[in-house]
Amino acid sequence: WSCHTARQKSASRPPNDADPRHDGLTVLVADSFKDLVLESKVHVFVLLYAPWCEACQEVKPHWRKLAKMLKGSSNIHIAMMDSDENDAPSRFFPESFIPNVKLFLAGKKG
């Protein structure tokens, strides 16, 4: 069988969808985007980045600090997705640049 639809590129989903080195930071992969962002009952603040991007590397420490500050919050998650390892949904990330930051509001993600 062949459906002629290309499979999206997705890194492996990490345990608990978390970065073990940075408290409060959710690690998104293409295969978890729907579950963790679109179907989430809370706001999700997403940073789309690439390891080679200098501007992304400058943003990442601030993003990690934000995640640590908000880790106890019950209404928002701070997340990151590596655009080299994952196909970000073009419907939600039509821009062709990185870093790219999007706030997905609870109840308004469709």
Foldseek 3Di string as FASTA:
>chain_A
DDPPDDDWFWDDQDVVQDDPVFAQEGEDIQVCCCVPDVVDQAKEKEWEEAPVDPVVVVCVVVLSVVRNVCSPPPHYGYYYYYVVRGPDPCVVVVDPDPRDIDIRGRPRHD
